[in-house]
N, C-alpha and C. Protein backbone atom coordinates (compact mmCIF):
# COMPACT_ATOMS: atom_id res chain seq x y z
N MET A 1 96.21 104.27 124.64
CA MET A 1 95.12 104.10 123.71
C MET A 1 95.63 103.27 122.54
N MET A 2 94.95 102.17 122.25
CA MET A 2 95.34 101.30 121.16
C MET A 2 94.44 101.56 119.96
N LEU A 3 95.02 101.99 118.85
CA LEU A 3 94.22 102.32 117.68
C LEU A 3 94.10 101.14 116.72
N ALA A 4 95.22 100.58 116.28
CA ALA A 4 95.19 99.53 115.26
C ALA A 4 94.75 98.19 115.83
N ALA A 5 94.99 97.94 117.10
CA ALA A 5 94.65 96.64 117.69
C ALA A 5 93.14 96.48 117.88
N ALA A 6 92.38 97.56 117.89
CA ALA A 6 90.95 97.47 118.11
C ALA A 6 90.19 97.07 116.86
N ASP A 7 90.81 97.13 115.68
CA ASP A 7 90.14 96.82 114.43
C ASP A 7 90.09 95.32 114.20
N SER A 8 88.97 94.87 113.66
CA SER A 8 88.83 93.45 113.35
C SER A 8 89.30 93.20 111.92
N PRO A 9 89.61 91.96 111.57
CA PRO A 9 90.01 91.65 110.19
C PRO A 9 88.91 91.99 109.18
N GLY A 10 87.65 91.84 109.60
CA GLY A 10 86.55 92.18 108.69
C GLY A 10 86.53 93.65 108.33
N GLU A 11 86.80 94.50 109.32
CA GLU A 11 86.84 95.94 109.05
C GLU A 11 87.98 96.29 108.13
N HIS A 12 89.12 95.65 108.32
CA HIS A 12 90.26 95.89 107.42
C HIS A 12 89.93 95.45 106.00
N LEU A 13 89.26 94.32 105.86
CA LEU A 13 88.90 93.84 104.52
C LEU A 13 87.86 94.76 103.86
N GLN A 14 86.93 95.31 104.65
CA GLN A 14 85.96 96.25 104.10
C GLN A 14 86.65 97.51 103.60
N LEU A 15 87.58 98.02 104.39
CA LEU A 15 88.32 99.21 103.97
C LEU A 15 89.17 98.93 102.75
N ALA A 16 89.78 97.74 102.71
CA ALA A 16 90.60 97.37 101.56
C ALA A 16 89.74 97.29 100.30
N ALA A 17 88.55 96.71 100.41
CA ALA A 17 87.66 96.60 99.25
C ALA A 17 87.19 97.98 98.78
N PHE A 18 86.84 98.85 99.73
CA PHE A 18 86.38 100.19 99.36
C PHE A 18 87.48 101.00 98.69
N THR A 19 88.67 100.99 99.27
CA THR A 19 89.75 101.78 98.68
C THR A 19 90.21 101.17 97.35
N ALA A 20 90.14 99.86 97.20
CA ALA A 20 90.49 99.24 95.92
C ALA A 20 89.46 99.62 94.85
N ALA A 21 88.18 99.69 95.22
CA ALA A 21 87.15 100.10 94.27
C ALA A 21 87.35 101.55 93.85
N CYS A 22 87.69 102.40 94.80
CA CYS A 22 87.96 103.81 94.47
C CYS A 22 89.17 103.92 93.55
N ALA A 23 90.20 103.15 93.83
CA ALA A 23 91.39 103.17 92.99
C ALA A 23 91.06 102.70 91.58
N PHE A 24 90.28 101.64 91.47
CA PHE A 24 89.89 101.12 90.17
C PHE A 24 89.11 102.17 89.38
N PHE A 25 88.18 102.87 90.04
CA PHE A 25 87.37 103.90 89.39
C PHE A 25 88.24 105.06 88.89
N PHE A 26 89.10 105.60 89.77
CA PHE A 26 89.90 106.75 89.40
C PHE A 26 90.94 106.41 88.33
N ILE A 27 91.56 105.26 88.43
CA ILE A 27 92.56 104.88 87.43
C ILE A 27 91.88 104.64 86.08
N GLY A 28 90.73 103.99 86.09
CA GLY A 28 90.00 103.77 84.84
C GLY A 28 89.55 105.07 84.20
N TRP A 29 89.05 105.97 85.03
CA TRP A 29 88.61 107.27 84.54
C TRP A 29 89.79 108.05 83.97
N GLY A 30 90.91 108.04 84.67
CA GLY A 30 92.09 108.76 84.21
C GLY A 30 92.66 108.19 82.93
N ARG A 31 92.70 106.86 82.82
CA ARG A 31 93.20 106.24 81.58
C ARG A 31 92.32 106.59 80.40
N ARG A 32 90.99 106.63 80.62
CA ARG A 32 90.08 106.98 79.53
C ARG A 32 90.28 108.42 79.11
N GLN A 33 90.46 109.30 80.08
CA GLN A 33 90.65 110.71 79.73
C GLN A 33 91.98 110.94 79.05
N ARG A 34 93.01 110.25 79.46
CA ARG A 34 94.31 110.42 78.80
C ARG A 34 94.27 109.87 77.38
N ARG A 35 93.57 108.76 77.19
CA ARG A 35 93.55 108.12 75.89
C ARG A 35 92.67 108.88 74.89
N THR A 36 91.47 109.28 75.32
CA THR A 36 90.53 109.89 74.40
C THR A 36 90.38 111.39 74.57
N GLY A 37 90.73 111.90 75.74
CA GLY A 37 90.53 113.31 76.01
C GLY A 37 89.09 113.65 76.31
N ARG A 38 88.27 112.63 76.60
CA ARG A 38 86.85 112.85 76.86
C ARG A 38 86.57 112.71 78.35
N SER A 39 85.68 113.54 78.83
CA SER A 39 85.28 113.48 80.23
C SER A 39 84.31 112.33 80.44
N LEU A 40 84.22 111.87 81.67
CA LEU A 40 83.29 110.79 82.00
C LEU A 40 81.86 111.31 82.03
N ILE A 41 81.67 112.54 82.45
CA ILE A 41 80.32 113.10 82.59
C ILE A 41 79.80 113.64 81.26
N ALA A 42 80.55 114.51 80.63
CA ALA A 42 80.13 115.12 79.37
C ALA A 42 80.90 114.48 78.23
N GLN A 43 80.41 113.35 77.78
CA GLN A 43 81.11 112.65 76.72
C GLN A 43 80.85 113.34 75.39
N THR A 44 81.87 113.41 74.58
CA THR A 44 81.72 113.98 73.25
C THR A 44 81.83 112.84 72.25
N GLU A 45 80.76 112.65 71.52
CA GLU A 45 80.71 111.59 70.53
C GLU A 45 80.28 112.18 69.21
N THR A 46 80.49 111.42 68.15
CA THR A 46 80.04 111.85 66.84
C THR A 46 78.52 111.90 66.83
N VAL A 47 77.99 113.03 66.36
CA VAL A 47 76.54 113.24 66.36
C VAL A 47 76.09 113.46 64.93
N GLN A 48 74.95 112.87 64.59
CA GLN A 48 74.40 113.09 63.25
C GLN A 48 73.44 114.26 63.30
N VAL A 49 73.74 115.28 62.49
CA VAL A 49 72.88 116.45 62.38
C VAL A 49 72.46 116.54 60.93
N GLY A 50 71.20 116.35 60.70
CA GLY A 50 70.72 116.34 59.32
C GLY A 50 71.25 115.12 58.60
N ASN A 51 71.96 115.35 57.51
CA ASN A 51 72.53 114.25 56.73
C ASN A 51 74.03 114.11 56.92
N GLN A 52 74.61 114.81 57.85
CA GLN A 52 76.06 114.72 58.03
C GLN A 52 76.43 114.44 59.48
N LEU A 53 77.59 113.83 59.65
CA LEU A 53 78.10 113.54 60.99
C LEU A 53 79.00 114.68 61.45
N VAL A 54 78.79 115.13 62.66
CA VAL A 54 79.61 116.19 63.24
C VAL A 54 80.59 115.53 64.20
N PRO A 55 81.90 115.63 63.91
CA PRO A 55 82.89 114.96 64.78
C PRO A 55 83.03 115.70 66.11
N PRO A 56 83.51 114.99 67.12
CA PRO A 56 83.73 115.65 68.42
C PRO A 56 84.92 116.60 68.32
N PRO A 57 84.99 117.55 69.24
CA PRO A 57 86.14 118.45 69.22
C PRO A 57 87.41 117.68 69.58
N PRO A 58 88.56 118.16 69.12
CA PRO A 58 89.80 117.45 69.44
C PRO A 58 90.09 117.48 70.94
N ALA A 59 90.83 116.49 71.37
CA ALA A 59 91.18 116.39 72.79
C ALA A 59 92.11 117.53 73.17
N SER A 60 91.85 118.12 74.32
CA SER A 60 92.68 119.22 74.77
C SER A 60 93.77 118.70 75.71
N ARG A 61 94.83 119.47 75.82
CA ARG A 61 95.91 119.10 76.73
C ARG A 61 95.45 119.14 78.18
N LEU A 62 94.51 120.02 78.47
CA LEU A 62 94.00 120.12 79.84
C LEU A 62 93.27 118.84 80.25
N ARG A 63 92.48 118.27 79.35
CA ARG A 63 91.78 117.01 79.65
C ARG A 63 92.78 115.87 79.85
N ARG A 64 93.81 115.83 79.03
CA ARG A 64 94.82 114.77 79.19
C ARG A 64 95.60 114.95 80.49
N ALA A 65 95.88 116.18 80.86
CA ALA A 65 96.56 116.42 82.14
C ALA A 65 95.66 116.04 83.31
N ALA A 66 94.37 116.32 83.18
CA ALA A 66 93.42 115.92 84.24
C ALA A 66 93.37 114.41 84.35
N GLY A 67 93.48 113.69 83.23
CA GLY A 67 93.52 112.23 83.26
C GLY A 67 94.72 111.73 84.05
N THR A 68 95.86 112.38 83.87
CA THR A 68 97.04 112.00 84.63
C THR A 68 96.82 112.23 86.13
N GLU A 69 96.16 113.32 86.47
CA GLU A 69 95.89 113.60 87.87
C GLU A 69 94.93 112.57 88.47
N TYR A 70 93.97 112.11 87.69
CA TYR A 70 93.06 111.06 88.19
C TYR A 70 93.81 109.75 88.40
N ILE A 71 94.75 109.45 87.55
CA ILE A 71 95.55 108.23 87.73
C ILE A 71 96.38 108.33 89.01
N VAL A 72 96.94 109.49 89.27
CA VAL A 72 97.71 109.69 90.51
C VAL A 72 96.79 109.57 91.73
N ALA A 73 95.59 110.13 91.63
CA ALA A 73 94.63 110.01 92.75
C ALA A 73 94.27 108.54 92.98
N GLY A 74 94.12 107.79 91.91
CA GLY A 74 93.85 106.36 92.05
C GLY A 74 95.01 105.63 92.69
N GLY A 75 96.22 106.04 92.36
CA GLY A 75 97.41 105.45 92.98
C GLY A 75 97.47 105.72 94.47
N VAL A 76 96.95 106.87 94.87
CA VAL A 76 96.91 107.19 96.30
C VAL A 76 95.95 106.25 97.03
N PHE A 77 94.90 105.81 96.35
CA PHE A 77 93.95 104.86 96.95
C PHE A 77 94.49 103.44 96.97
N VAL A 78 95.45 103.12 96.12
CA VAL A 78 96.00 101.76 96.09
C VAL A 78 96.79 101.46 97.36
N ILE A 79 97.53 102.43 97.83
CA ILE A 79 98.41 102.21 98.99
C ILE A 79 97.62 101.81 100.24
N PRO A 80 96.53 102.52 100.62
CA PRO A 80 95.77 102.06 101.79
C PRO A 80 95.10 100.71 101.57
N ALA A 81 94.73 100.41 100.33
CA ALA A 81 94.12 99.11 100.07
C ALA A 81 95.11 97.98 100.36
N VAL A 82 96.34 98.17 99.95
CA VAL A 82 97.36 97.15 100.20
C VAL A 82 97.64 97.02 101.69
N PHE A 83 97.78 98.15 102.38
CA PHE A 83 98.06 98.10 103.82
C PHE A 83 96.90 97.49 104.61
N ASN A 84 95.66 97.80 104.25
CA ASN A 84 94.51 97.23 104.96
C ASN A 84 94.39 95.73 104.69
N PHE A 85 94.68 95.31 103.47
CA PHE A 85 94.65 93.88 103.17
C PHE A 85 95.74 93.15 103.96
N ALA A 86 96.93 93.74 104.03
CA ALA A 86 98.01 93.13 104.81
C ALA A 86 97.67 93.10 106.30
N ALA A 87 97.02 94.14 106.81
CA ALA A 87 96.62 94.17 108.22
C ALA A 87 95.57 93.11 108.51
N ALA A 88 94.66 92.86 107.56
CA ALA A 88 93.64 91.83 107.75
C ALA A 88 94.29 90.45 107.79
N ILE A 89 95.23 90.21 106.90
CA ILE A 89 95.93 88.91 106.89
C ILE A 89 96.72 88.75 108.18
N HIS A 90 97.38 89.81 108.62
CA HIS A 90 98.16 89.75 109.85
C HIS A 90 97.27 89.45 111.06
N ALA A 91 96.08 90.08 111.09
CA ALA A 91 95.15 89.86 112.21
C ALA A 91 94.59 88.43 112.17
N LEU A 92 94.40 87.87 110.99
CA LEU A 92 93.89 86.51 110.89
C LEU A 92 94.95 85.47 111.30
N VAL A 93 96.19 85.73 110.94
CA VAL A 93 97.27 84.79 111.23
C VAL A 93 97.63 84.84 112.70
N ARG A 94 97.54 86.01 113.30
CA ARG A 94 97.94 86.19 114.68
C ARG A 94 97.04 85.56 115.62
């Protein structure tokens, strides 16, 4: 049974694009969380209540640690993107 030989270069490029997009999303999300300590879904911003501005709560260590984990998850997506791109080039050259 041949597994890798059955794939076309187009399929490899589609997988490379998808995994690169996932890597870009997770790394960007993780960098934002590490830098600001804010979640992507529940953003904390300065809010005006009455005549005064209420600042956001300080960044927690848990949010910054979660940002590091998102960066690592994005790094896991980078590796298949590189391998699929290399497989597509190899299939085109061959």
